[in-house]
Amino acid sequence: MSMEAGALNRSAAFASIGSALLLLALKGWAAWSTGSTAMLGSLADTALDLVASCATLAGVWVAAMPADDKHRFGHGKAEAIAALFQIVLISISALAIAARAIEQFWAGGRTAAAGDGIVVSLVAVGTTVALLAWQRYVIRRTGSLAIQTDNVHYQSDLLLNIAVIAALALDQYAGLKGADPLFGLGIAGWLGWSAWSASQDVIEQLMDHEWPAEKRDRFLALLARNPDITGVHDLRTRTSGNRDFVQFHVWIDPQMTLGRAHAVMDAMEARLQAEFPDTEIIIHPEPDGHVDEIGPAGEDVLPHVCDVEDYLAGRRQEGRA
């Protein structure tokens, strides 16, 4: 990454943290002055934005550390641990806001100083729009995945702030009793759904889930272009933080010398890493047709992603079909 790109990404991260701090102070005052459950939910979301940004920065920093004697596969899962911490916070906040909304609904409480809450929410909308515009500029210049993810999150914040404005206006100006706690319940549900959705990716990474089928097939299709191999089996893939890991067995000509086999593996690994950067690749060469694995792990997986006729033609050309 160039120095300019790094500076732009840092500026976007600082802008995100600065916006969260500003809105946290404003919404804290507004939640206290209005007594609005919807505003309380918005305050909780902003607080989580700030905590999430700090936790993500810590997770990314640790994940970027190189492998050492105690962590031979690197520190990539630190990102998943940081995300898990965020999910716990979001879930607790969603439950607390839901309980507060139900209590307010049954007690028949009303909001106060709706004008103050609406002004704060409008400031939040304007601040978020400005932040999104700067993030989009940075994304176009650097392509940062972290900033892209943050940008998507703040897009949802726009809807949250608009919901608070609607809740306060309906409760005080339209006289719809119960609008505020109902919007509070909606915000709690949205937070809970966000936590559930995020947990799926975290669990998959912590459990060493296989790559998505489309990514796995692209990898195999690239492998199939190598004329020096006649099959691939026992393919295993996983993701840890910002790094991918893949290992597999390939069949080669049993008459190939050790030196030639080593050169073939090096060339294959270079081609794969050009298309799949930040991937640790382990290749185990075996004589054509040799299988130690039992079940599906011992089956050739190349025909599943290649054109069958081209695959068989390649096998015949190598004298293997």
C-alpha atoms as a PDB file:
ATOM      1  CA  MET A   1       0.000   0.000   0.000  1.00  0.00           C
ATOM      2  CA  SER A   2       1.339   3.463  -0.937  1.00  0.00           C
ATOM      3  CA  MET A   3       1.872   6.150   1.692  1.00  0.00           C
ATOM      4  CA  GLU A   4      -0.918   8.221   0.130  1.00  0.00           C
ATOM      5  CA  ALA A   5      -3.392   5.328   0.286  1.00  0.00           C
ATOM      6  CA  GLY A   6      -2.438   4.584   3.878  1.00  0.00           C
ATOM      7  CA  ALA A   7      -2.943   8.236   4.830  1.00  0.00           C
ATOM      8  CA  LEU A   8      -6.358   8.312   3.141  1.00  0.00           C
ATOM      9  CA  ASN A   9      -7.482   5.145   4.923  1.00  0.00           C
ATOM     10  CA  ARG A  10      -6.334   6.525   8.264  1.00  0.00           C
ATOM     11  CA  SER A  11      -8.169   9.792   7.606  1.00  0.00           C
ATOM     12  CA  ALA A  12     -11.384   7.860   6.933  1.00  0.00           C
ATOM     13  CA  ALA A  13     -10.924   5.865  10.155  1.00  0.00           C
ATOM     14  CA  PHE A  14     -10.289   9.029  12.198  1.00  0.00           C
ATOM     15  CA  ALA A  15     -13.324  10.674  10.589  1.00  0.00           C
ATOM     16  CA  SER A  16     -15.457   7.689  11.628  1.00  0.00           C
ATOM     17  CA  ILE A  17     -14.243   7.795  15.232  1.00  0.00           C
ATOM     18  CA  GLY A  18     -14.593  11.588  15.390  1.00  0.00           C
ATOM     19  CA  SER A  19     -18.165  11.434  14.074  1.00  0.00           C
ATOM     20  CA  ALA A  20     -19.067   8.757  16.621  1.00  0.00           C
ATOM     21  CA  LEU A  21     -17.670  10.845  19.489  1.00  0.00           C
ATOM     22  CA  LEU A  22     -19.590  13.953  18.394  1.00  0.00           C
ATOM     23  CA  LEU A  23     -22.868  12.098  17.947  1.00  0.00           C
ATOM     24  CA  LEU A  24     -22.406  10.210  21.206  1.00  0.00           C
ATOM     25  CA  ALA A  25     -22.305  13.492  23.142  1.00  0.00           C
ATOM     26  CA  LEU A  26     -25.266  15.021  21.288  1.00  0.00           C
ATOM     27  CA  LYS A  27     -27.465  11.925  21.513  1.00  0.00           C
ATOM     28  CA  GLY A  28     -26.636  11.422  25.183  1.00  0.00           C
ATOM     29  CA  TRP A  29     -27.975  14.905  25.920  1.00  0.00           C
ATOM     30  CA  ALA A  30     -30.997  14.342  23.647  1.00  0.00           C
ATOM     31  CA  ALA A  31     -31.881  10.978  25.227  1.00  0.00           C
ATOM     32  CA  TRP A  32     -31.762  12.589  28.685  1.00  0.00           C
ATOM     33  CA  SER A  33     -33.851  15.636  27.710  1.00  0.00           C
ATOM     34  CA  THR A  34     -36.504  13.794  25.633  1.00  0.00           C
ATOM     35  CA  GLY A  35     -36.856  10.509  27.502  1.00  0.00           C
ATOM     36  CA  SER A  36     -37.279   8.867  24.084  1.00  0.00           C
ATOM     37  CA  THR A  37     -36.686   5.128  23.833  1.00  0.00           C
ATOM     38  CA  ALA A  38     -36.015   5.500  20.117  1.00  0.00           C
ATOM     39  CA  MET A  39     -33.365   8.133  20.888  1.00  0.00           C
ATOM     40  CA  LEU A  40     -31.932   5.825  23.543  1.00  0.00           C
ATOM     41  CA  GLY A  41     -31.664   3.108  20.898  1.00  0.00           C
ATOM     42  CA  SER A  42     -29.909   5.515  18.557  1.00  0.00           C
ATOM     43  CA  LEU A  43     -27.545   6.503  21.374  1.00  0.00           C
ATOM     44  CA  ALA A  44     -26.743   2.835  22.022  1.00  0.00           C
ATOM     45  CA  ASP A  45     -26.045   2.271  18.323  1.00  0.00           C
ATOM     46  CA  THR A  46     -23.659   5.240  18.238  1.00  0.00           C
ATOM     47  CA  ALA A  47     -21.868   4.002  21.360  1.00  0.00           C
ATOM     48  CA  LEU A  48     -21.505   0.621  19.707  1.00  0.00           C
ATOM     49  CA  ASP A  49     -20.150   2.319  16.577  1.00  0.00           C
ATOM     50  CA  LEU A  50     -17.367   3.811  18.670  1.00  0.00           C
ATOM     51  CA  VAL A  51     -16.596   0.594  20.550  1.00  0.00           C
ATOM     52  CA  ALA A  52     -16.768  -1.419  17.326  1.00  0.00           C
ATOM     53  CA  SER A  53     -14.318   0.918  15.597  1.00  0.00           C
ATOM     54  CA  CYS A  54     -11.827   0.604  18.456  1.00  0.00           C
ATOM     55  CA  ALA A  55     -12.262  -3.177  18.704  1.00  0.00           C
ATOM     56  CA  THR A  56     -11.905  -3.559  14.943  1.00  0.00           C
ATOM     57  CA  LEU A  57      -8.735  -1.484  14.888  1.00  0.00           C
ATOM     58  CA  ALA A  58      -7.281  -3.620  17.675  1.00  0.00           C
ATOM     59  CA  GLY A  59      -8.316  -6.839  15.921  1.00  0.00           C
ATOM     60  CA  VAL A  60      -6.906  -5.756  12.558  1.00  0.00           C
ATOM     61  CA  TRP A  61      -3.648  -4.618  14.207  1.00  0.00           C
ATOM     62  CA  VAL A  62      -3.163  -7.990  15.935  1.00  0.00           C
ATOM     63  CA  ALA A  63      -4.269  -9.928  12.833  1.00  0.00           C
ATOM     64  CA  ALA A  64      -1.613  -8.152  10.754  1.00  0.00           C
ATOM     65  CA  MET A  65       1.177  -9.361  13.025  1.00  0.00           C
ATOM     66  CA  PRO A  66       3.394 -11.983  11.358  1.00  0.00           C
ATOM     67  CA  ALA A  67       3.385 -15.613  12.427  1.00  0.00           C
ATOM     68  CA  ASP A  68       5.602 -16.495  15.383  1.00  0.00           C
ATOM     69  CA  ASP A  69       6.692 -19.600  17.281  1.00  0.00           C
ATOM     70  CA  LYS A  70       3.436 -19.724  19.254  1.00  0.00           C
ATOM     71  CA  HIS A  71       1.138 -18.811  16.354  1.00  0.00           C
ATOM     72  CA  ARG A  72       2.539 -20.605  13.319  1.00  0.00           C
ATOM     73  CA  PHE A  73      -0.564 -19.877  11.219  1.00  0.00           C
ATOM     74  CA  GLY A  74      -0.540 -16.168  12.067  1.00  0.00           C
ATOM     75  CA  HIS A  75      -2.954 -14.081  14.132  1.00  0.00           C
ATOM     76  CA  GLY A  76      -5.794 -13.745  11.609  1.00  0.00           C
ATOM     77  CA  LYS A  77      -8.518 -14.960  13.955  1.00  0.00           C
ATOM     78  CA  ALA A  78      -8.010 -11.892  16.137  1.00  0.00           C
ATOM     79  CA  GLU A  79     -10.425 -10.136  13.759  1.00  0.00           C
ATOM     80  CA  ALA A  80     -13.094 -12.754  14.435  1.00  0.00           C
ATOM     81  CA  ILE A  81     -12.553 -12.452  18.196  1.00  0.00           C
ATOM     82  CA  ALA A  82     -12.948  -8.665  17.977  1.00  0.00           C
ATOM     83  CA  ALA A  83     -16.136  -9.119  15.959  1.00  0.00           C
ATOM     84  CA  LEU A  84     -17.466 -11.611  18.512  1.00  0.00           C
ATOM     85  CA  PHE A  85     -16.891  -9.023  21.242  1.00  0.00           C
ATOM     86  CA  GLN A  86     -18.916  -6.496  19.234  1.00  0.00           C
ATOM     87  CA  ILE A  87     -21.753  -8.985  18.718  1.00  0.00           C
ATOM     88  CA  VAL A  88     -22.044  -9.592  22.470  1.00  0.00           C
ATOM     89  CA  LEU A  89     -22.280  -5.834  23.095  1.00  0.00           C
ATOM     90  CA  ILE A  90     -24.908  -5.389  20.381  1.00  0.00           C
ATOM     91  CA  SER A  91     -27.023  -8.265  21.740  1.00  0.00           C
ATOM     92  CA  ILE A  92     -26.960  -6.928  25.307  1.00  0.00           C
ATOM     93  CA  SER A  93     -27.920  -3.434  24.102  1.00  0.00           C
ATOM     94  CA  ALA A  94     -30.779  -4.787  21.986  1.00  0.00           C
ATOM     95  CA  LEU A  95     -32.242  -6.646  24.983  1.00  0.00           C
ATOM     96  CA  ALA A  96     -31.921  -3.595  27.253  1.00  0.00           C
ATOM     97  CA  ILE A  97     -33.601  -1.292  24.727  1.00  0.00           C
ATOM     98  CA  ALA A  98     -36.417  -3.784  24.136  1.00  0.00           C
ATOM     99  CA  ALA A  99     -37.047  -4.066  27.894  1.00  0.00           C
ATOM    100  CA  ARG A 100     -37.078  -0.266  28.224  1.00  0.00           C
ATOM    101  CA  ALA A 101     -39.496   0.087  25.293  1.00  0.00           C
ATOM    102  CA  ILE A 102     -41.927  -2.488  26.714  1.00  0.00           C
ATOM    103  CA  GLU A 103     -41.833  -0.815  30.131  1.00  0.00           C
ATOM    104  CA  GLN A 104     -42.504   2.609  28.578  1.00  0.00           C
ATOM    105  CA  PHE A 105     -45.333   1.228  26.402  1.00  0.00           C
ATOM    106  CA  TRP A 106     -47.222  -0.307  29.331  1.00  0.00           C
ATOM    107  CA  ALA A 107     -46.607   2.735  31.558  1.00  0.00           C
ATOM    108  CA  GLY A 108     -47.964   5.025  28.871  1.00  0.00           C
ATOM    109  CA  GLY A 109     -45.004   7.399  29.084  1.00  0.00           C
ATOM    110  CA  ARG A 110     -44.633  10.216  26.600  1.00  0.00           C
ATOM    111  CA  THR A 111     -41.568  11.943  25.199  1.00  0.00           C
ATOM    112  CA  ALA A 112     -40.587  15.535  25.922  1.00  0.00           C
ATOM    113  CA  ALA A 113     -38.645  18.225  24.085  1.00  0.00           C
ATOM    114  CA  ALA A 114     -39.156  16.496  20.762  1.00  0.00           C
ATOM    115  CA  GLY A 115     -37.738  19.509  18.949  1.00  0.00           C
ATOM    116  CA  ASP A 116     -34.364  19.045  20.637  1.00  0.00           C
ATOM    117  CA  GLY A 117     -34.289  15.359  19.713  1.00  0.00           C
ATOM    118  CA  ILE A 118     -35.229  16.068  16.116  1.00  0.00           C
ATOM    119  CA  VAL A 119     -32.523  18.731  15.781  1.00  0.00           C
ATOM    120  CA  VAL A 120     -29.903  16.321  17.174  1.00  0.00           C
ATOM    121  CA  SER A 121     -31.078  13.604  14.776  1.00  0.00           C
ATOM    122  CA  LEU A 122     -30.877  16.028  11.836  1.00  0.00           C
ATOM    123  CA  VAL A 123     -27.313  16.903  12.855  1.00  0.00           C
ATOM    124  CA  ALA A 124     -26.598  13.157  12.982  1.00  0.00           C
ATOM    125  CA  VAL A 125     -28.037  12.719   9.478  1.00  0.00           C
ATOM    126  CA  GLY A 126     -25.915  15.570   8.107  1.00  0.00           C
ATOM    127  CA  THR A 127     -22.759  14.297   9.829  1.00  0.00           C
ATOM    128  CA  THR A 128     -23.355  10.768   8.543  1.00  0.00           C
ATOM    129  CA  VAL A 129     -23.954  11.978   4.968  1.00  0.00           C
ATOM    130  CA  ALA A 130     -20.674  13.927   5.060  1.00  0.00           C
ATOM    131  CA  LEU A 131     -18.814  10.905   6.469  1.00  0.00           C
ATOM    132  CA  LEU A 132     -20.266   8.609   3.806  1.00  0.00           C
ATOM    133  CA  ALA A 133     -19.195  11.021   1.052  1.00  0.00           C
ATOM    134  CA  TRP A 134     -15.602  11.097   2.338  1.00  0.00           C
ATOM    135  CA  GLN A 135     -15.524   7.319   2.755  1.00  0.00           C
ATOM    136  CA  ARG A 136     -16.722   6.806  -0.829  1.00  0.00           C
ATOM    137  CA  TYR A 137     -13.945   9.106  -2.063  1.00  0.00           C
ATOM    138  CA  VAL A 138     -11.356   7.120  -0.079  1.00  0.00           C
ATOM    139  CA  ILE A 139     -12.769   3.800  -1.342  1.00  0.00           C
ATOM    140  CA  ARG A 140     -12.450   4.975  -4.962  1.00  0.00           C
ATOM    141  CA  ARG A 141      -8.815   5.923  -4.343  1.00  0.00           C
ATOM    142  CA  THR A 142      -7.668   2.964  -2.210  1.00  0.00           C
ATOM    143  CA  GLY A 143     -10.229   0.159  -2.542  1.00  0.00           C
ATOM    144  CA  SER A 144      -9.932  -0.483   1.212  1.00  0.00           C
ATOM    145  CA  LEU A 145     -12.160  -3.373   2.328  1.00  0.00           C
ATOM    146  CA  ALA A 146     -12.251  -2.092   5.916  1.00  0.00           C
ATOM    147  CA  ILE A 147     -13.523   1.330   4.823  1.00  0.00           C
ATOM    148  CA  GLN A 148     -16.071  -0.315   2.506  1.00  0.00           C
ATOM    149  CA  THR A 149     -17.475  -2.300   5.434  1.00  0.00           C
ATOM    150  CA  ASP A 150     -17.617   0.815   7.613  1.00  0.00           C
ATOM    151  CA  ASN A 151     -19.377   2.660   4.801  1.00  0.00           C
ATOM    152  CA  VAL A 152     -22.119   0.005   4.611  1.00  0.00           C
ATOM    153  CA  HIS A 153     -22.618   0.203   8.385  1.00  0.00           C
ATOM    154  CA  TYR A 154     -23.047   3.987   8.372  1.00  0.00           C
ATOM    155  CA  GLN A 155     -25.566   3.733   5.539  1.00  0.00           C
ATOM    156  CA  SER A 156     -27.811   1.808   7.946  1.00  0.00           C
ATOM    157  CA  ASP A 157     -27.269   4.557  10.552  1.00  0.00           C
ATOM    158  CA  LEU A 158     -29.035   6.980   8.224  1.00  0.00           C
ATOM    159  CA  LEU A 159     -32.196   4.882   8.444  1.00  0.00           C
ATOM    160  CA  LEU A 160     -31.849   4.679  12.225  1.00  0.00           C
ATOM    161  CA  ASN A 161     -31.667   8.461  12.651  1.00  0.00           C
ATOM    162  CA  ILE A 162     -34.619   8.985  10.304  1.00  0.00           C
ATOM    163  CA  ALA A 163     -36.611   6.465  12.393  1.00  0.00           C
ATOM    164  CA  VAL A 164     -35.889   8.494  15.557  1.00  0.00           C
ATOM    165  CA  ILE A 165     -37.148  11.683  13.873  1.00  0.00           C
ATOM    166  CA  ALA A 166     -40.338   9.879  12.824  1.00  0.00           C
ATOM    167  CA  ALA A 167     -40.874   8.445  16.329  1.00  0.00           C
ATOM    168  CA  LEU A 168     -40.547  11.835  18.044  1.00  0.00           C
ATOM    169  CA  ALA A 169     -42.727  13.633  15.492  1.00  0.00           C
ATOM    170  CA  LEU A 170     -45.500  11.022  15.633  1.00  0.00           C
ATOM    171  CA  ASP A 171     -45.478  10.902  19.420  1.00  0.00           C
ATOM    172  CA  GLN A 172     -45.572  14.637  20.167  1.00  0.00           C
ATOM    173  CA  TYR A 173     -46.870  16.391  17.079  1.00  0.00           C
ATOM    174  CA  ALA A 174     -49.248  13.760  15.653  1.00  0.00           C
ATOM    175  CA  GLY A 175     -50.380  12.614  19.104  1.00  0.00           C
ATOM    176  CA  LEU A 176     -49.850   8.914  18.354  1.00  0.00           C
ATOM    177  CA  LYS A 177     -49.350   7.528  21.850  1.00  0.00           C
ATOM    178  CA  GLY A 178     -46.986   4.557  21.864  1.00  0.00           C
ATOM    179  CA  ALA A 179     -45.181   5.505  18.652  1.00  0.00           C
ATOM    180  CA  ASP A 180     -41.881   6.081  20.458  1.00  0.00           C
ATOM    181  CA  PRO A 181     -41.707   2.724  22.308  1.00  0.00           C
ATOM    182  CA  LEU A 182     -42.813   0.905  19.158  1.00  0.00           C
ATOM    183  CA  PHE A 183     -40.004   2.519  17.193  1.00  0.00           C
ATOM    184  CA  GLY A 184     -37.702   1.622  20.111  1.00  0.00           C
ATOM    185  CA  LEU A 185     -38.739  -2.017  19.765  1.00  0.00           C
ATOM    186  CA  GLY A 186     -38.087  -1.804  16.038  1.00  0.00           C
ATOM    187  CA  ILE A 187     -34.595  -0.439  16.645  1.00  0.00           C
ATOM    188  CA  ALA A 188     -33.919  -3.191  19.207  1.00  0.00           C
ATOM    189  CA  GLY A 189     -35.043  -5.770  16.634  1.00  0.00           C
ATOM    190  CA  TRP A 190     -32.793  -4.219  13.998  1.00  0.00           C
ATOM    191  CA  LEU A 191     -29.815  -4.350  16.383  1.00  0.00           C
ATOM    192  CA  GLY A 192     -30.598  -7.980  17.209  1.00  0.00           C
ATOM    193  CA  TRP A 193     -30.840  -8.914  13.542  1.00  0.00           C
ATOM    194  CA  SER A 194     -27.531  -7.144  12.836  1.00  0.00           C
ATOM    195  CA  ALA A 195     -25.889  -9.133  15.630  1.00  0.00           C
ATOM    196  CA  TRP A 196     -27.331 -12.405  14.294  1.00  0.00           C
ATOM    197  CA  SER A 197     -26.211 -11.681  10.715  1.00  0.00           C
ATOM    198  CA  ALA A 198     -22.701 -10.728  11.818  1.00  0.00           C
ATOM    199  CA  SER A 199     -22.406 -13.830  14.001  1.00  0.00           C
ATOM    200  CA  GLN A 200     -22.774 -16.122  10.985  1.00  0.00           C
ATOM    201  CA  ASP A 201     -19.543 -14.869   9.388  1.00  0.00           C
ATOM    202  CA  VAL A 202     -17.711 -14.968  12.727  1.00  0.00           C
ATOM    203  CA  ILE A 203     -18.776 -18.544  13.463  1.00  0.00           C
ATOM    204  CA  GLU A 204     -17.811 -19.680   9.965  1.00  0.00           C
ATOM    205  CA  GLN A 205     -14.319 -18.240  10.352  1.00  0.00           C
ATOM    206  CA  LEU A 206     -13.764 -19.587  13.862  1.00  0.00           C
ATOM    207  CA  MET A 207     -14.969 -23.036  12.728  1.00  0.00           C
ATOM    208  CA  ASP A 208     -12.636 -23.028   9.679  1.00  0.00           C
ATOM    209  CA  HIS A 209     -15.531 -23.130   7.219  1.00  0.00           C
ATOM    210  CA  GLU A 210     -14.673 -23.986   3.610  1.00  0.00           C
ATOM    211  CA  TRP A 211     -14.475 -21.241   1.006  1.00  0.00           C
ATOM    212  CA  PRO A 212     -17.695 -20.314  -0.834  1.00  0.00           C
ATOM    213  CA  ALA A 213     -18.369 -22.678  -3.755  1.00  0.00           C
ATOM    214  CA  GLU A 214     -17.779 -19.994  -6.402  1.00  0.00           C
ATOM    215  CA  LYS A 215     -14.354 -19.074  -4.983  1.00  0.00           C
ATOM    216  CA  ARG A 216     -13.395 -22.744  -4.608  1.00  0.00           C
ATOM    217  CA  ASP A 217     -14.398 -23.481  -8.214  1.00  0.00           C
ATOM    218  CA  ARG A 218     -12.365 -20.523  -9.511  1.00  0.00           C
ATOM    219  CA  PHE A 219      -9.343 -21.906  -7.691  1.00  0.00           C
ATOM    220  CA  LEU A 220      -9.874 -25.365  -9.198  1.00  0.00           C
ATOM    221  CA  ALA A 221     -10.442 -23.951 -12.682  1.00  0.00           C
ATOM    222  CA  LEU A 222      -7.059 -22.229 -12.450  1.00  0.00           C
ATOM    223  CA  LEU A 223      -5.453 -25.470 -11.279  1.00  0.00           C
ATOM    224  CA  ALA A 224      -6.969 -27.341 -14.229  1.00  0.00           C
ATOM    225  CA  ARG A 225      -5.013 -25.188 -16.697  1.00  0.00           C
ATOM    226  CA  ASN A 226      -1.754 -26.789 -15.557  1.00  0.00           C
ATOM    227  CA  PRO A 227      -0.788 -29.520 -18.078  1.00  0.00           C
ATOM    228  CA  ASP A 228       1.653 -31.140 -15.639  1.00  0.00           C
ATOM    229  CA  ILE A 229      -1.009 -32.417 -13.243  1.00  0.00           C
ATOM    230  CA  THR A 230      -3.590 -35.108 -13.947  1.00  0.00           C
ATOM    231  CA  GLY A 231      -5.889 -34.708 -10.960  1.00  0.00           C
ATOM    232  CA  VAL A 232      -6.526 -32.969  -7.642  1.00  0.00           C
ATOM    233  CA  HIS A 233      -7.932 -34.469  -4.458  1.00  0.00           C
ATOM    234  CA  ASP A 234      -8.210 -33.817  -0.713  1.00  0.00           C
ATOM    235  CA  LEU A 235      -8.683 -30.068  -1.279  1.00  0.00           C
ATOM    236  CA  ARG A 236      -9.073 -28.162   2.014  1.00  0.00           C
ATOM    237  CA  THR A 237      -9.689 -24.418   2.348  1.00  0.00           C
ATOM    238  CA  ARG A 238     -10.281 -21.940   5.162  1.00  0.00           C
ATOM    239  CA  THR A 239     -10.046 -18.245   5.988  1.00  0.00           C
ATOM    240  CA  SER A 240      -8.437 -16.610   9.013  1.00  0.00           C
ATOM    241  CA  GLY A 241      -8.711 -12.843   9.264  1.00  0.00           C
ATOM    242  CA  ASN A 242      -7.397 -11.325   6.049  1.00  0.00           C
ATOM    243  CA  ARG A 243      -5.551 -14.463   4.979  1.00  0.00           C
ATOM    244  CA  ASP A 244      -6.704 -17.604   3.176  1.00  0.00           C
ATOM    245  CA  PHE A 245      -5.273 -21.086   3.557  1.00  0.00           C
ATOM    246  CA  VAL A 246      -5.533 -23.929   1.053  1.00  0.00           C
ATOM    247  CA  GLN A 247      -3.909 -27.352   0.806  1.00  0.00           C
ATOM    248  CA  PHE A 248      -4.405 -30.186  -1.676  1.00  0.00           C
ATOM    249  CA  HIS A 249      -2.843 -33.265  -3.297  1.00  0.00           C
ATOM    250  CA  VAL A 250      -2.027 -33.354  -7.023  1.00  0.00           C
ATOM    251  CA  TRP A 251      -1.338 -36.328  -9.263  1.00  0.00           C
ATOM    252  CA  ILE A 252       1.728 -36.061 -11.501  1.00  0.00           C
ATOM    253  CA  ASP A 253       3.667 -38.351 -13.832  1.00  0.00           C
ATOM    254  CA  PRO A 254       5.328 -41.003 -11.616  1.00  0.00           C
ATOM    255  CA  GLN A 255       8.401 -40.861 -13.868  1.00  0.00           C
ATOM    256  CA  MET A 256       8.908 -37.138 -13.196  1.00  0.00           C
ATOM    257  CA  THR A 257      12.186 -36.397 -11.405  1.00  0.00           C
ATOM    258  CA  LEU A 258      12.160 -34.800  -7.955  1.00  0.00           C
ATOM    259  CA  GLY A 259      13.794 -31.670  -9.364  1.00  0.00           C
ATOM    260  CA  ARG A 260      11.204 -31.382 -12.133  1.00  0.00           C
ATOM    261  CA  ALA A 261       8.333 -31.967  -9.668  1.00  0.00           C
ATOM    262  CA  HIS A 262       9.689 -29.254  -7.400  1.00  0.00           C
ATOM    263  CA  ALA A 263       9.868 -26.777 -10.295  1.00  0.00           C
ATOM    264  CA  VAL A 264       6.311 -27.659 -11.361  1.00  0.00           C
ATOM    265  CA  MET A 265       4.998 -27.085  -7.823  1.00  0.00           C
ATOM    266  CA  ASP A 266       6.811 -23.738  -7.545  1.00  0.00           C
ATOM    267  CA  ALA A 267       5.414 -22.533 -10.875  1.00  0.00           C
ATOM    268  CA  MET A 268       1.916 -23.698  -9.938  1.00  0.00           C
ATOM    269  CA  GLU A 269       2.065 -21.923  -6.590  1.00  0.00           C
ATOM    270  CA  ALA A 270       3.231 -18.677  -8.242  1.00  0.00           C
ATOM    271  CA  ARG A 271       0.316 -18.731 -10.718  1.00  0.00           C
ATOM    272  CA  LEU A 272      -2.197 -19.437  -7.961  1.00  0.00           C
ATOM    273  CA  GLN A 273      -0.910 -16.695  -5.675  1.00  0.00           C
ATOM    274  CA  ALA A 274      -1.041 -14.181  -8.529  1.00  0.00           C
ATOM    275  CA  GLU A 275      -4.810 -14.773  -8.709  1.00  0.00           C
ATOM    276  CA  PHE A 276      -5.313 -15.449  -4.984  1.00  0.00           C
ATOM    277  CA  PRO A 277      -3.010 -13.063  -3.088  1.00  0.00           C
ATOM    278  CA  ASP A 278      -2.638 -13.311   0.697  1.00  0.00           C
ATOM    279  CA  THR A 279      -3.163 -17.061   0.444  1.00  0.00           C
ATOM    280  CA  GLU A 280      -0.929 -19.686   2.035  1.00  0.00           C
ATOM    281  CA  ILE A 281      -0.777 -22.684  -0.325  1.00  0.00           C
ATOM    282  CA  ILE A 282       0.448 -26.175   0.545  1.00  0.00           C
ATOM    283  CA  ILE A 283       0.767 -28.657  -2.356  1.00  0.00           C
ATOM    284  CA  HIS A 284       1.413 -32.367  -1.883  1.00  0.00           C
ATOM    285  CA  PRO A 285       2.459 -34.143  -5.124  1.00  0.00           C
ATOM    286  CA  GLU A 286       1.689 -37.852  -5.583  1.00  0.00           C
ATOM    287  CA  PRO A 287       2.135 -40.397  -8.408  1.00  0.00           C
ATOM    288  CA  ASP A 288      -0.795 -40.455 -10.830  1.00  0.00           C
ATOM    289  CA  GLY A 289      -3.696 -42.446  -9.360  1.00  0.00           C
ATOM    290  CA  HIS A 290      -2.166 -42.887  -5.900  1.00  0.00           C
ATOM    291  CA  VAL A 291      -4.803 -42.441  -3.136  1.00  0.00           C
ATOM    292  CA  ASP A 292      -4.365 -42.782   0.625  1.00  0.00           C
ATOM    293  CA  GLU A 293      -7.542 -40.970   1.628  1.00  0.00           C
ATOM    294  CA  ILE A 294     -10.833 -42.789   2.169  1.00  0.00           C
ATOM    295  CA  GLY A 295     -14.142 -41.511   0.775  1.00  0.00           C
ATOM    296  CA  PRO A 296     -14.733 -38.170  -0.990  1.00  0.00           C
ATOM    297  CA  ALA A 297     -11.302 -36.838   0.023  1.00  0.00           C
ATOM    298  CA  GLY A 298      -9.689 -39.328  -2.366  1.00  0.00           C
ATOM    299  CA  GLU A 299     -11.830 -38.374  -5.366  1.00  0.00           C
ATOM    300  CA  ASP A 300     -10.542 -36.205  -8.215  1.00  0.00           C
ATOM    301  CA  VAL A 301     -12.301 -32.816  -7.992  1.00  0.00           C
ATOM    302  CA  LEU A 302     -11.146 -31.290 -11.284  1.00  0.00           C
ATOM    303  CA  PRO A 303     -13.942 -32.708 -13.487  1.00  0.00           C
ATOM    304  CA  HIS A 304     -16.531 -30.901 -11.344  1.00  0.00           C
ATOM    305  CA  VAL A 305     -15.400 -27.463 -12.507  1.00  0.00           C
ATOM    306  CA  CYS A 306     -13.856 -28.090 -15.901  1.00  0.00           C
ATOM    307  CA  ASP A 307     -15.478 -28.790 -19.215  1.00  0.00           C
ATOM    308  CA  VAL A 308     -15.555 -32.589 -19.304  1.00  0.00           C
ATOM    309  CA  GLU A 309     -14.474 -32.915 -22.915  1.00  0.00           C
ATOM    310  CA  ASP A 310     -11.550 -30.538 -22.469  1.00  0.00           C
ATOM    311  CA  TYR A 311     -10.576 -32.331 -19.295  1.00  0.00           C
ATOM    312  CA  LEU A 312     -10.630 -35.762 -20.956  1.00  0.00           C
ATOM    313  CA  ALA A 313      -8.773 -34.405 -23.983  1.00  0.00           C
ATOM    314  CA  GLY A 314      -6.060 -33.114 -21.674  1.00  0.00           C
ATOM    315  CA  ARG A 315      -5.866 -36.488 -19.958  1.00  0.00           C
ATOM    316  CA  ARG A 316      -5.567 -38.283 -23.309  1.00  0.00           C
ATOM    317  CA  GLN A 317      -2.873 -35.869 -24.425  1.00  0.00           C
ATOM    318  CA  GLU A 318      -0.858 -36.761 -21.316  1.00  0.00           C
ATOM    319  CA  GLY A 319      -1.485 -40.457 -21.978  1.00  0.00           C
ATOM    320  CA  ARG A 320      -3.597 -40.891 -18.844  1.00  0.00           C
ATOM    321  CA  ALA A 321      -7.140 -41.292 -20.233  1.00  0.00           C
END
